[in-house]
């Protein structure tokens, strides 16, 4: 397993931006893929964005063109830049890792209208 720790999040107005960071306990190049899920109250957890060890990215349709996932300057960090935020983006955002697996504790993002 890999340990993950998120930072960032908070309260922002609609149209604003938030940057989330996820620090892994090992270099991300030894992890098959990392990314972010989110879960809003009363809804299922959904995949927001992912990035593979080779750099390939994938996004949910609802965030394409607004969110960008990338590797951070540190070799064990993945960043989710969220722009043009909407109230429907309000959720707890979880960093995850796949092979080896791991989950962060979650960070709240609240977008006010």
PDB file of N, CA and C in Angstrom:
ATOM      1  N   UNK A   1       0.828  -1.198   0.000  1.00  0.00           N
ATOM      2  CA  UNK A   1       0.000   0.000   0.000  1.00  0.00           C
ATOM      3  C   UNK A   1       0.867   1.253   0.000  1.00  0.00           C
ATOM      4  N   UNK A   2       0.218   2.366  -0.348  1.00  0.00           N
ATOM      5  CA  UNK A   2       0.901   3.646  -0.338  1.00  0.00           C
ATOM      6  C   UNK A   2       0.066   4.604   0.506  1.00  0.00           C
ATOM      7  N   UNK A   3       0.731   5.409   1.303  1.00  0.00           N
ATOM      8  CA  UNK A   3       0.033   6.403   2.119  1.00  0.00           C
ATOM      9  C   UNK A   3      -0.062   7.707   1.341  1.00  0.00           C
ATOM     10  N   UNK A   4      -1.221   8.347   1.444  1.00  0.00           N
ATOM     11  CA  UNK A   4      -1.491   9.570   0.707  1.00  0.00           C
ATOM     12  C   UNK A   4      -1.997  10.645   1.659  1.00  0.00           C
ATOM     13  N   UNK A   5      -1.586  11.874   1.409  1.00  0.00           N
ATOM     14  CA  UNK A   5      -2.057  12.986   2.220  1.00  0.00           C
ATOM     15  C   UNK A   5      -2.412  14.163   1.321  1.00  0.00           C
ATOM     16  N   UNK A   6      -3.656  14.619   1.432  1.00  0.00           N
ATOM     17  CA  UNK A   6      -4.116  15.743   0.619  1.00  0.00           C
ATOM     18  C   UNK A   6      -3.946  17.061   1.363  1.00  0.00           C
ATOM     19  N   UNK A   7      -3.867  18.121   0.588  1.00  0.00           N
ATOM     20  CA  UNK A   7      -3.918  19.474   1.130  1.00  0.00           C
ATOM     21  C   UNK A   7      -4.608  20.362   0.112  1.00  0.00           C
ATOM     22  N   UNK A   8      -5.044  21.507   0.570  1.00  0.00           N
ATOM     23  CA  UNK A   8      -5.805  22.412  -0.283  1.00  0.00           C
ATOM     24  C   UNK A   8      -7.278  22.305   0.054  1.00  0.00           C
ATOM     25  N   UNK A   9      -8.109  22.769  -0.799  1.00  0.00           N
ATOM     26  CA  UNK A   9      -9.542  22.752  -0.537  1.00  0.00           C
ATOM     27  C   UNK A   9      -9.969  23.987   0.223  1.00  0.00           C
ATOM     28  N   UNK A  10     -11.247  24.006   0.628  1.00  0.00           N
ATOM     29  CA  UNK A  10     -11.781  25.134   1.361  1.00  0.00           C
ATOM     30  C   UNK A  10     -13.021  25.679   0.695  1.00  0.00           C
ATOM     31  N   UNK A  11     -13.331  26.919   1.027  1.00  0.00           N
ATOM     32  CA  UNK A  11     -14.527  27.592   0.526  1.00  0.00           C
ATOM     33  C   UNK A  11     -14.137  28.601  -0.548  1.00  0.00           C
ATOM     34  N   UNK A  12     -14.850  28.548  -1.665  1.00  0.00           N
ATOM     35  CA  UNK A  12     -14.552  29.451  -2.774  1.00  0.00           C
ATOM     36  C   UNK A  12     -15.860  29.846  -3.448  1.00  0.00           C
ATOM     37  N   UNK A  13     -15.878  31.011  -4.057  1.00  0.00           N
ATOM     38  CA  UNK A  13     -17.077  31.445  -4.772  1.00  0.00           C
ATOM     39  C   UNK A  13     -17.118  30.816  -6.159  1.00  0.00           C
ATOM     40  N   UNK A  14     -18.295  30.700  -6.693  1.00  0.00           N
ATOM     41  CA  UNK A  14     -18.457  30.181  -8.048  1.00  0.00           C
ATOM     42  C   UNK A  14     -17.615  30.996  -9.019  1.00  0.00           C
ATOM     43  N   UNK A  15     -16.956  30.283  -9.917  1.00  0.00           N
ATOM     44  CA  UNK A  15     -16.060  30.923 -10.865  1.00  0.00           C
ATOM     45  C   UNK A  15     -14.625  31.004 -10.386  1.00  0.00           C
ATOM     46  N   UNK A  16     -14.405  30.695  -9.133  1.00  0.00           N
ATOM     47  CA  UNK A  16     -13.071  30.752  -8.559  1.00  0.00           C
ATOM     48  C   UNK A  16     -12.260  29.502  -8.820  1.00  0.00           C
ATOM     49  N   UNK A  17     -11.085  29.460  -8.197  1.00  0.00           N
ATOM     50  CA  UNK A  17     -10.148  28.352  -8.404  1.00  0.00           C
ATOM     51  C   UNK A  17      -9.665  27.802  -7.074  1.00  0.00           C
ATOM     52  N   UNK A  18      -9.361  26.519  -7.095  1.00  0.00           N
ATOM     53  CA  UNK A  18      -8.780  25.830  -5.943  1.00  0.00           C
ATOM     54  C   UNK A  18      -7.735  24.858  -6.454  1.00  0.00           C
ATOM     55  N   UNK A  19      -6.693  24.690  -5.678  1.00  0.00           N
ATOM     56  CA  UNK A  19      -5.615  23.765  -6.033  1.00  0.00           C
ATOM     57  C   UNK A  19      -5.487  22.731  -4.931  1.00  0.00           C
ATOM     58  N   UNK A  20      -5.592  21.477  -5.318  1.00  0.00           N
ATOM     59  CA  UNK A  20      -5.417  20.369  -4.378  1.00  0.00           C
ATOM     60  C   UNK A  20      -4.097  19.672  -4.652  1.00  0.00           C
ATOM     61  N   UNK A  21      -3.415  19.291  -3.587  1.00  0.00           N
ATOM     62  CA  UNK A  21      -2.174  18.534  -3.715  1.00  0.00           C
ATOM     63  C   UNK A  21      -2.302  17.211  -2.982  1.00  0.00           C
ATOM     64  N   UNK A  22      -1.653  16.210  -3.496  1.00  0.00           N
ATOM     65  CA  UNK A  22      -1.636  14.887  -2.877  1.00  0.00           C
ATOM     66  C   UNK A  22      -0.191  14.425  -2.815  1.00  0.00           C
ATOM     67  N   UNK A  23       0.277  14.162  -1.608  1.00  0.00           N
ATOM     68  CA  UNK A  23       1.641  13.701  -1.408  1.00  0.00           C
ATOM     69  C   UNK A  23       1.613  12.221  -1.092  1.00  0.00           C
ATOM     70  N   UNK A  24       2.369  11.451  -1.856  1.00  0.00           N
ATOM     71  CA  UNK A  24       2.443  10.004  -1.658  1.00  0.00           C
ATOM     72  C   UNK A  24       3.682   9.633  -0.859  1.00  0.00           C
ATOM     73  N   UNK A  25       3.636   8.457  -0.249  1.00  0.00           N
ATOM     74  CA  UNK A  25       4.745   7.992   0.578  1.00  0.00           C
ATOM     75  C   UNK A  25       5.855   7.369  -0.258  1.00  0.00           C
ATOM     76  N   UNK A  26       5.705   7.380  -1.585  1.00  0.00           N
ATOM     77  CA  UNK A  26       6.727   6.880  -2.485  1.00  0.00           C
ATOM     78  C   UNK A  26       6.663   7.687  -3.771  1.00  0.00           C
ATOM     79  N   UNK A  27       7.689   7.621  -4.579  1.00  0.00           N
ATOM     80  CA  UNK A  27       7.688   8.373  -5.816  1.00  0.00           C
ATOM     81  C   UNK A  27       6.530   7.921  -6.710  1.00  0.00           C
ATOM     82  N   UNK A  28       5.867   8.863  -7.350  1.00  0.00           N
ATOM     83  CA  UNK A  28       4.682   8.544  -8.141  1.00  0.00           C
ATOM     84  C   UNK A  28       5.024   7.713  -9.374  1.00  0.00           C
ATOM     85  N   UNK A  29       6.284   7.661  -9.758  1.00  0.00           N
ATOM     86  CA  UNK A  29       6.660   6.869 -10.924  1.00  0.00           C
ATOM     87  C   UNK A  29       6.647   5.371 -10.623  1.00  0.00           C
ATOM     88  N   UNK A  30       6.523   5.014  -9.345  1.00  0.00           N
ATOM     89  CA  UNK A  30       6.400   3.603  -8.960  1.00  0.00           C
ATOM     90  C   UNK A  30       4.954   3.223  -8.683  1.00  0.00           C
ATOM     91  N   UNK A  31       4.030   4.142  -8.971  1.00  0.00           N
ATOM     92  CA  UNK A  31       2.601   3.919  -8.780  1.00  0.00           C
ATOM     93  C   UNK A  31       1.948   3.879 -10.160  1.00  0.00           C
ATOM     94  N   UNK A  32       1.114   2.886 -10.427  1.00  0.00           N
ATOM     95  CA  UNK A  32       0.535   2.728 -11.761  1.00  0.00           C
ATOM     96  C   UNK A  32      -0.276   3.955 -12.159  1.00  0.00           C
ATOM     97  N   UNK A  33      -1.104   4.436 -11.262  1.00  0.00           N
ATOM     98  CA  UNK A  33      -1.938   5.603 -11.540  1.00  0.00           C
ATOM     99  C   UNK A  33      -2.343   6.265 -10.229  1.00  0.00           C
ATOM    100  N   UNK A  34      -2.579   7.551 -10.304  1.00  0.00           N
ATOM    101  CA  UNK A  34      -3.111   8.309  -9.167  1.00  0.00           C
ATOM    102  C   UNK A  34      -4.183   9.240  -9.680  1.00  0.00           C
ATOM    103  N   UNK A  35      -4.983   9.732  -8.775  1.00  0.00           N
ATOM    104  CA  UNK A  35      -6.011  10.654  -9.201  1.00  0.00           C
ATOM    105  C   UNK A  35      -6.874  11.100  -8.049  1.00  0.00           C
ATOM    106  N   UNK A  36      -8.044  11.597  -8.430  1.00  0.00           N
ATOM    107  CA  UNK A  36      -8.968  12.160  -7.462  1.00  0.00           C
ATOM    108  C   UNK A  36     -10.389  11.660  -7.722  1.00  0.00           C
ATOM    109  N   UNK A  37     -11.024  11.259  -6.655  1.00  0.00           N
ATOM    110  CA  UNK A  37     -12.453  11.003  -6.642  1.00  0.00           C
ATOM    111  C   UNK A  37     -13.105  12.099  -5.813  1.00  0.00           C
ATOM    112  N   UNK A  38     -14.400  12.256  -5.979  1.00  0.00           N
ATOM    113  CA  UNK A  38     -15.140  13.159  -5.107  1.00  0.00           C
ATOM    114  C   UNK A  38     -16.486  12.542  -4.739  1.00  0.00           C
ATOM    115  N   UNK A  39     -16.992  12.966  -3.595  1.00  0.00           N
ATOM    116  CA  UNK A  39     -18.284  12.475  -3.144  1.00  0.00           C
ATOM    117  C   UNK A  39     -19.072  13.633  -2.537  1.00  0.00           C
ATOM    118  N   UNK A  40     -20.197  13.914  -3.154  1.00  0.00           N
ATOM    119  CA  UNK A  40     -21.099  14.941  -2.652  1.00  0.00           C
ATOM    120  C   UNK A  40     -22.138  14.284  -1.745  1.00  0.00           C
ATOM    121  N   UNK A  41     -22.748  15.047  -0.862  1.00  0.00           N
ATOM    122  CA  UNK A  41     -23.752  14.476   0.054  1.00  0.00           C
ATOM    123  C   UNK A  41     -24.874  13.788  -0.710  1.00  0.00           C
ATOM    124  N   UNK A  42     -25.149  12.554  -0.332  1.00  0.00           N
ATOM    125  CA  UNK A  42     -26.234  11.815  -0.954  1.00  0.00           C
ATOM    126  C   UNK A  42     -25.922  11.247  -2.315  1.00  0.00           C
ATOM    127  N   UNK A  43     -24.669  11.376  -2.757  1.00  0.00           N
ATOM    128  CA  UNK A  43     -24.297  10.881  -4.082  1.00  0.00           C
ATOM    129  C   UNK A  43     -23.177   9.867  -3.973  1.00  0.00           C
ATOM    130  N   UNK A  44     -23.039   9.078  -5.038  1.00  0.00           N
ATOM    131  CA  UNK A  44     -21.953   8.099  -5.071  1.00  0.00           C
ATOM    132  C   UNK A  44     -20.623   8.788  -5.340  1.00  0.00           C
ATOM    133  N   UNK A  45     -19.570   8.124  -4.906  1.00  0.00           N
ATOM    134  CA  UNK A  45     -18.237   8.631  -5.194  1.00  0.00           C
ATOM    135  C   UNK A  45     -17.990   8.514  -6.689  1.00  0.00           C
ATOM    136  N   UNK A  46     -17.420   9.548  -7.296  1.00  0.00           N
ATOM    137  CA  UNK A  46     -17.162   9.535  -8.730  1.00  0.00           C
ATOM    138  C   UNK A  46     -15.725   9.934  -9.028  1.00  0.00           C
ATOM    139  N   UNK A  47     -15.194   9.357 -10.097  1.00  0.00           N
ATOM    140  CA  UNK A  47     -13.840   9.685 -10.522  1.00  0.00           C
ATOM    141  C   UNK A  47     -13.841  11.063 -11.152  1.00  0.00           C
ATOM    142  N   UNK A  48     -12.911  11.900 -10.743  1.00  0.00           N
ATOM    143  CA  UNK A  48     -12.785  13.250 -11.284  1.00  0.00           C
ATOM    144  C   UNK A  48     -11.679  13.307 -12.332  1.00  0.00           C
ATOM    145  N   UNK A  49     -10.506  12.828 -11.966  1.00  0.00           N
ATOM    146  CA  UNK A  49      -9.362  12.886 -12.881  1.00  0.00           C
ATOM    147  C   UNK A  49      -8.326  11.876 -12.434  1.00  0.00           C
ATOM    148  N   UNK A  50      -7.535  11.405 -13.395  1.00  0.00           N
ATOM    149  CA  UNK A  50      -6.468  10.467 -13.076  1.00  0.00           C
ATOM    150  C   UNK A  50      -5.279  10.721 -13.978  1.00  0.00           C
ATOM    151  N   UNK A  51      -4.118  10.248 -13.519  1.00  0.00           N
ATOM    152  CA  UNK A  51      -2.894  10.353 -14.310  1.00  0.00           C
ATOM    153  C   UNK A  51      -2.098   9.076 -14.095  1.00  0.00           C
ATOM    154  N   UNK A  52      -1.597   8.501 -15.182  1.00  0.00           N
ATOM    155  CA  UNK A  52      -0.821   7.275 -15.067  1.00  0.00           C
ATOM    156  C   UNK A  52       0.651   7.597 -14.844  1.00  0.00           C
ATOM    157  N   UNK A  53       1.427   6.559 -14.547  1.00  0.00           N
ATOM    158  CA  UNK A  53       2.854   6.766 -14.308  1.00  0.00           C
ATOM    159  C   UNK A  53       3.545   7.286 -15.563  1.00  0.00           C
ATOM    160  N   UNK A  54       2.936   7.066 -16.729  1.00  0.00           N
ATOM    161  CA  UNK A  54       3.521   7.552 -17.981  1.00  0.00           C
ATOM    162  C   UNK A  54       3.015   8.938 -18.356  1.00  0.00           C
ATOM    163  N   UNK A  55       2.089   9.468 -17.560  1.00  0.00           N
ATOM    164  CA  UNK A  55       1.608  10.817 -17.803  1.00  0.00           C
ATOM    165  C   UNK A  55       0.284  10.934 -18.521  1.00  0.00           C
ATOM    166  N   UNK A  56      -0.329   9.815 -18.886  1.00  0.00           N
ATOM    167  CA  UNK A  56      -1.635   9.873 -19.555  1.00  0.00           C
ATOM    168  C   UNK A  56      -2.705  10.319 -18.562  1.00  0.00           C
ATOM    169  N   UNK A  57      -3.571  11.214 -19.010  1.00  0.00           N
ATOM    170  CA  UNK A  57      -4.596  11.758 -18.123  1.00  0.00           C
ATOM    171  C   UNK A  57      -5.996  11.389 -18.587  1.00  0.00           C
ATOM    172  N   UNK A  58      -6.920  11.421 -17.645  1.00  0.00           N
ATOM    173  CA  UNK A  58      -8.312  11.122 -17.935  1.00  0.00           C
ATOM    174  C   UNK A  58      -9.177  11.993 -17.035  1.00  0.00           C
ATOM    175  N   UNK A  59     -10.294  12.492 -17.587  1.00  0.00           N
ATOM    176  CA  UNK A  59     -11.161  13.394 -16.832  1.00  0.00           C
ATOM    177  C   UNK A  59     -12.623  12.988 -16.961  1.00  0.00           C
ATOM    178  N   UNK A  60     -13.373  13.274 -15.918  1.00  0.00           N
ATOM    179  CA  UNK A  60     -14.816  13.146 -16.019  1.00  0.00           C
ATOM    180  C   UNK A  60     -15.324  14.216 -16.975  1.00  0.00           C
ATOM    181  N   UNK A  61     -16.373  13.907 -17.717  1.00  0.00           N
ATOM    182  CA  UNK A  61     -16.917  14.872 -18.674  1.00  0.00           C
ATOM    183  C   UNK A  61     -17.297  16.179 -17.997  1.00  0.00           C
ATOM    184  N   UNK A  62     -17.759  16.085 -16.776  1.00  0.00           N
ATOM    185  CA  UNK A  62     -18.248  17.275 -16.074  1.00  0.00           C
ATOM    186  C   UNK A  62     -17.148  18.271 -15.712  1.00  0.00           C
ATOM    187  N   UNK A  63     -15.888  17.833 -15.766  1.00  0.00           N
ATOM    188  CA  UNK A  63     -14.790  18.732 -15.377  1.00  0.00           C
ATOM    189  C   UNK A  63     -13.828  19.025 -16.513  1.00  0.00           C
ATOM    190  N   UNK A  64     -14.027  18.401 -17.665  1.00  0.00           N
ATOM    191  CA  UNK A  64     -13.124  18.635 -18.792  1.00  0.00           C
ATOM    192  C   UNK A  64     -13.098  20.109 -19.166  1.00  0.00           C
ATOM    193  N   UNK A  65     -11.890  20.611 -19.387  1.00  0.00           N
ATOM    194  CA  UNK A  65     -11.725  22.013 -19.739  1.00  0.00           C
ATOM    195  C   UNK A  65     -11.653  22.941 -18.544  1.00  0.00           C
ATOM    196  N   UNK A  66     -11.958  22.417 -17.351  1.00  0.00           N
ATOM    197  CA  UNK A  66     -11.919  23.259 -16.144  1.00  0.00           C
ATOM    198  C   UNK A  66     -10.884  22.759 -15.143  1.00  0.00           C
ATOM    199  N   UNK A  67     -10.697  21.468 -15.063  1.00  0.00           N
ATOM    200  CA  UNK A  67      -9.752  20.870 -14.117  1.00  0.00           C
ATOM    201  C   UNK A  67      -8.532  20.331 -14.871  1.00  0.00           C
ATOM    202  N   UNK A  68      -7.382  20.405 -14.203  1.00  0.00           N
ATOM    203  CA  UNK A  68      -6.159  19.853 -14.776  1.00  0.00           C
ATOM    204  C   UNK A  68      -5.407  19.079 -13.707  1.00  0.00           C
ATOM    205  N   UNK A  69      -5.075  17.829 -14.025  1.00  0.00           N
ATOM    206  CA  UNK A  69      -4.279  17.012 -13.124  1.00  0.00           C
ATOM    207  C   UNK A  69      -2.859  16.956 -13.667  1.00  0.00           C
ATOM    208  N   UNK A  70      -1.893  17.036 -12.766  1.00  0.00           N
ATOM    209  CA  UNK A  70      -0.497  17.031 -13.210  1.00  0.00           C
ATOM    210  C   UNK A  70       0.392  16.542 -12.086  1.00  0.00           C
ATOM    211  N   UNK A  71       1.614  16.258 -12.434  1.00  0.00           N
ATOM    212  CA  UNK A  71       2.610  15.907 -11.428  1.00  0.00           C
ATOM    213  C   UNK A  71       3.165  17.189 -10.843  1.00  0.00           C
ATOM    214  N   UNK A  72       3.385  17.173  -9.539  1.00  0.00           N
ATOM    215  CA  UNK A  72       3.975  18.332  -8.908  1.00  0.00           C
ATOM    216  C   UNK A  72       5.468  18.381  -9.118  1.00  0.00           C
ATOM    217  N   UNK A  73       6.090  19.430  -8.636  1.00  0.00           N
ATOM    218  CA  UNK A  73       7.531  19.568  -8.785  1.00  0.00           C
ATOM    219  C   UNK A  73       8.282  18.504  -7.986  1.00  0.00           C
ATOM    220  N   UNK A  74       7.697  18.041  -6.901  1.00  0.00           N
ATOM    221  CA  UNK A  74       8.290  16.949  -6.122  1.00  0.00           C
ATOM    222  C   UNK A  74       7.910  15.623  -6.763  1.00  0.00           C
ATOM    223  N   UNK A  75       8.756  14.616  -6.663  1.00  0.00           N
ATOM    224  CA  UNK A  75       8.540  13.342  -7.348  1.00  0.00           C
ATOM    225  C   UNK A  75       7.446  12.495  -6.711  1.00  0.00           C
ATOM    226  N   UNK A  76       6.890  12.974  -5.594  1.00  0.00           N
ATOM    227  CA  UNK A  76       5.852  12.183  -4.946  1.00  0.00           C
ATOM    228  C   UNK A  76       4.549  12.966  -4.810  1.00  0.00           C
ATOM    229  N   UNK A  77       4.321  13.938  -5.701  1.00  0.00           N
ATOM    230  CA  UNK A  77       3.154  14.815  -5.581  1.00  0.00           C
ATOM    231  C   UNK A  77       2.346  14.860  -6.871  1.00  0.00           C
ATOM    232  N   UNK A  78       1.030  14.847  -6.706  1.00  0.00           N
ATOM    233  CA  UNK A  78       0.107  15.041  -7.816  1.00  0.00           C
ATOM    234  C   UNK A  78      -0.790  16.223  -7.456  1.00  0.00           C
ATOM    235  N   UNK A  79      -1.050  17.054  -8.432  1.00  0.00           N
ATOM    236  CA  UNK A  79      -1.802  18.291  -8.205  1.00  0.00           C
ATOM    237  C   UNK A  79      -3.076  18.288  -9.052  1.00  0.00           C
ATOM    238  N   UNK A  80      -4.157  18.773  -8.477  1.00  0.00           N
ATOM    239  CA  UNK A  80      -5.406  18.974  -9.220  1.00  0.00           C
ATOM    240  C   UNK A  80      -5.734  20.457  -9.164  1.00  0.00           C
ATOM    241  N   UNK A  81      -5.614  21.105 -10.311  1.00  0.00           N
ATOM    242  CA  UNK A  81      -5.962  22.519 -10.427  1.00  0.00           C
ATOM    243  C   UNK A  81      -7.404  22.605 -10.909  1.00  0.00           C
ATOM    244  N   UNK A  82      -8.229  23.260 -10.124  1.00  0.00           N
ATOM    245  CA  UNK A  82      -9.659  23.355 -10.438  1.00  0.00           C
ATOM    246  C   UNK A  82     -10.025  24.812 -10.691  1.00  0.00           C
ATOM    247  N   UNK A  83     -10.446  25.102 -11.898  1.00  0.00           N
ATOM    248  CA  UNK A  83     -10.816  26.455 -12.289  1.00  0.00           C
ATOM    249  C   UNK A  83     -12.292  26.513 -12.658  1.00  0.00           C
ATOM    250  N   UNK A  84     -12.805  27.723 -12.735  1.00  0.00           N
ATOM    251  CA  UNK A  84     -14.213  27.937 -13.119  1.00  0.00           C
ATOM    252  C   UNK A  84     -15.146  27.049 -12.304  1.00  0.00           C
ATOM    253  N   UNK A  85     -14.940  27.048 -11.015  1.00  0.00           N
ATOM    254  CA  UNK A  85     -15.694  26.151 -10.148  1.00  0.00           C
ATOM    255  C   UNK A  85     -17.176  26.512 -10.113  1.00  0.00           C
ATOM    256  N   UNK A  86     -17.986  25.465  -9.974  1.00  0.00           N
ATOM    257  CA  UNK A  86     -19.436  25.591  -9.926  1.00  0.00           C
ATOM    258  C   UNK A  86     -19.942  25.041  -8.595  1.00  0.00           C
ATOM    259  N   UNK A  87     -21.103  25.474  -8.149  1.00  0.00           N
ATOM    260  CA  UNK A  87     -21.653  24.928  -6.902  1.00  0.00           C
ATOM    261  C   UNK A  87     -21.757  23.400  -6.930  1.00  0.00           C
ATOM    262  N   UNK A  88     -22.005  22.818  -8.086  1.00  0.00           N
ATOM    263  CA  UNK A  88     -22.115  21.361  -8.176  1.00  0.00           C
ATOM    264  C   UNK A  88     -20.771  20.646  -8.031  1.00  0.00           C
ATOM    265  N   UNK A  89     -19.679  21.402  -7.969  1.00  0.00           N
ATOM    266  CA  UNK A  89     -18.378  20.799  -7.685  1.00  0.00           C
ATOM    267  C   UNK A  89     -18.160  20.603  -6.188  1.00  0.00           C
ATOM    268  N   UNK A  90     -19.073  21.103  -5.385  1.00  0.00           N
ATOM    269  CA  UNK A  90     -18.966  20.944  -3.940  1.00  0.00           C
ATOM    270  C   UNK A  90     -18.981  19.466  -3.569  1.00  0.00           C
ATOM    271  N   UNK A  91     -17.960  19.043  -2.830  1.00  0.00           N
ATOM    272  CA  UNK A  91     -17.822  17.635  -2.465  1.00  0.00           C
ATOM    273  C   UNK A  91     -16.590  17.460  -1.589  1.00  0.00           C
ATOM    274  N   UNK A  92     -16.455  16.267  -1.036  1.00  0.00           N
ATOM    275  CA  UNK A  92     -15.197  15.868  -0.421  1.00  0.00           C
ATOM    276  C   UNK A  92     -14.362  15.217  -1.518  1.00  0.00           C
ATOM    277  N   UNK A  93     -13.162  15.676  -1.676  1.00  0.00           N
ATOM    278  CA  UNK A  93     -12.260  15.176  -2.718  1.00  0.00           C
ATOM    279  C   UNK A  93     -11.226  14.252  -2.081  1.00  0.00           C
ATOM    280  N   UNK A  94     -11.105  13.070  -2.675  1.00  0.00           N
ATOM    281  CA  UNK A  94     -10.204  12.050  -2.159  1.00  0.00           C
ATOM    282  C   UNK A  94      -9.115  11.750  -3.187  1.00  0.00           C
ATOM    283  N   UNK A  95      -7.887  11.772  -2.743  1.00  0.00           N
ATOM    284  CA  UNK A  95      -6.786  11.311  -3.573  1.00  0.00           C
ATOM    285  C   UNK A  95      -6.722   9.794  -3.478  1.00  0.00           C
ATOM    286  N   UNK A  96      -6.420   9.143  -4.594  1.00  0.00           N
ATOM    287  CA  UNK A  96      -6.297   7.689  -4.573  1.00  0.00           C
ATOM    288  C   UNK A  96      -5.077   7.275  -5.382  1.00  0.00           C
ATOM    289  N   UNK A  97      -4.629   6.066  -5.101  1.00  0.00           N
ATOM    290  CA  UNK A  97      -3.537   5.450  -5.854  1.00  0.00           C
ATOM    291  C   UNK A  97      -3.958   4.033  -6.248  1.00  0.00           C
ATOM    292  N   UNK A  98      -3.525   3.638  -7.438  1.00  0.00           N
ATOM    293  CA  UNK A  98      -3.842   2.302  -7.944  1.00  0.00           C
ATOM    294  C   UNK A  98      -2.571   1.546  -8.250  1.00  0.00           C
ATOM    295  N   UNK A  99      -2.335   0.447  -7.583  1.00  0.00           N
ATOM    296  CA  UNK A  99      -1.214  -0.434  -7.778  1.00  0.00           C
ATOM    297  C   UNK A  99       0.133   0.228  -7.571  1.00  0.00           C
ATOM    298  N   UNK A 100       0.570   0.371  -6.312  1.00  0.00           N
ATOM    299  CA  UNK A 100      -0.138  -0.079  -5.118  1.00  0.00           C
ATOM    300  C   UNK A 100      -1.306   0.858  -4.762  1.00  0.00           C
ATOM    301  N   UNK A 101      -2.221   0.324  -3.978  1.00  0.00           N
ATOM    302  CA  UNK A 101      -3.439   1.088  -3.684  1.00  0.00           C
ATOM    303  C   UNK A 101      -3.278   1.949  -2.450  1.00  0.00           C
ATOM    304  N   UNK A 102      -4.133   2.956  -2.384  1.00  0.00           N
ATOM    305  CA  UNK A 102      -4.150   3.829  -1.227  1.00  0.00           C
ATOM    306  C   UNK A 102      -5.197   4.903  -1.381  1.00  0.00           C
ATOM    307  N   UNK A 103      -5.648   5.440  -0.243  1.00  0.00           N
ATOM    308  CA  UNK A 103      -6.626   6.528  -0.243  1.00  0.00           C
ATOM    309  C   UNK A 103      -6.191   7.596   0.754  1.00  0.00           C
ATOM    310  N   UNK A 104      -6.430   8.836   0.379  1.00  0.00           N
ATOM    311  CA  UNK A 104      -6.234   9.924   1.310  1.00  0.00           C
ATOM    312  C   UNK A 104      -7.428  10.065   2.224  1.00  0.00           C
ATOM    313  N   UNK A 105      -7.328  10.969   3.167  1.00  0.00           N
ATOM    314  CA  UNK A 105      -8.383  11.142   4.162  1.00  0.00           C
ATOM    315  C   UNK A 105      -9.531  12.003   3.642  1.00  0.00           C
ATOM    316  N   UNK A 106      -9.318  12.693   2.535  1.00  0.00           N
ATOM    317  CA  UNK A 106     -10.342  13.546   1.961  1.00  0.00           C
ATOM    318  C   UNK A 106     -10.194  14.995   2.378  1.00  0.00           C
ATOM    319  N   UNK A 107     -10.557  15.882   1.473  1.00  0.00           N
ATOM    320  CA  UNK A 107     -10.526  17.315   1.768  1.00  0.00           C
ATOM    321  C   UNK A 107     -11.794  17.949   1.190  1.00  0.00           C
ATOM    322  N   UNK A 108     -12.402  18.831   1.954  1.00  0.00           N
ATOM    323  CA  UNK A 108     -13.667  19.429   1.557  1.00  0.00           C
ATOM    324  C   UNK A 108     -13.437  20.616   0.626  1.00  0.00           C
ATOM    325  N   UNK A 109     -14.192  20.633  -0.460  1.00  0.00           N
ATOM    326  CA  UNK A 109     -14.247  21.793  -1.358  1.00  0.00           C
ATOM    327  C   UNK A 109     -15.700  22.244  -1.407  1.00  0.00           C
ATOM    328  N   UNK A 110     -15.924  23.488  -1.056  1.00  0.00           N
ATOM    329  CA  UNK A 110     -17.280  24.051  -1.069  1.00  0.00           C
ATOM    330  C   UNK A 110     -17.300  25.264  -1.978  1.00  0.00           C
ATOM    331  N   UNK A 111     -18.208  25.242  -2.953  1.00  0.00           N
ATOM    332  CA  UNK A 111     -18.329  26.336  -3.914  1.00  0.00           C
ATOM    333  C   UNK A 111     -19.663  27.025  -3.673  1.00  0.00           C
ATOM    334  N   UNK A 112     -19.587  28.282  -3.317  1.00  0.00           N
ATOM    335  CA  UNK A 112     -20.809  29.034  -3.040  1.00  0.00           C
ATOM    336  C   UNK A 112     -21.281  29.764  -4.295  1.00  0.00           C
ATOM    337  N   UNK A 113     -22.584  29.890  -4.419  1.00  0.00           N
ATOM    338  CA  UNK A 113     -23.147  30.552  -5.603  1.00  0.00           C
ATOM    339  C   UNK A 113     -23.280  32.050  -5.388  1.00  0.00           C
TER     340      UNK A 113
END
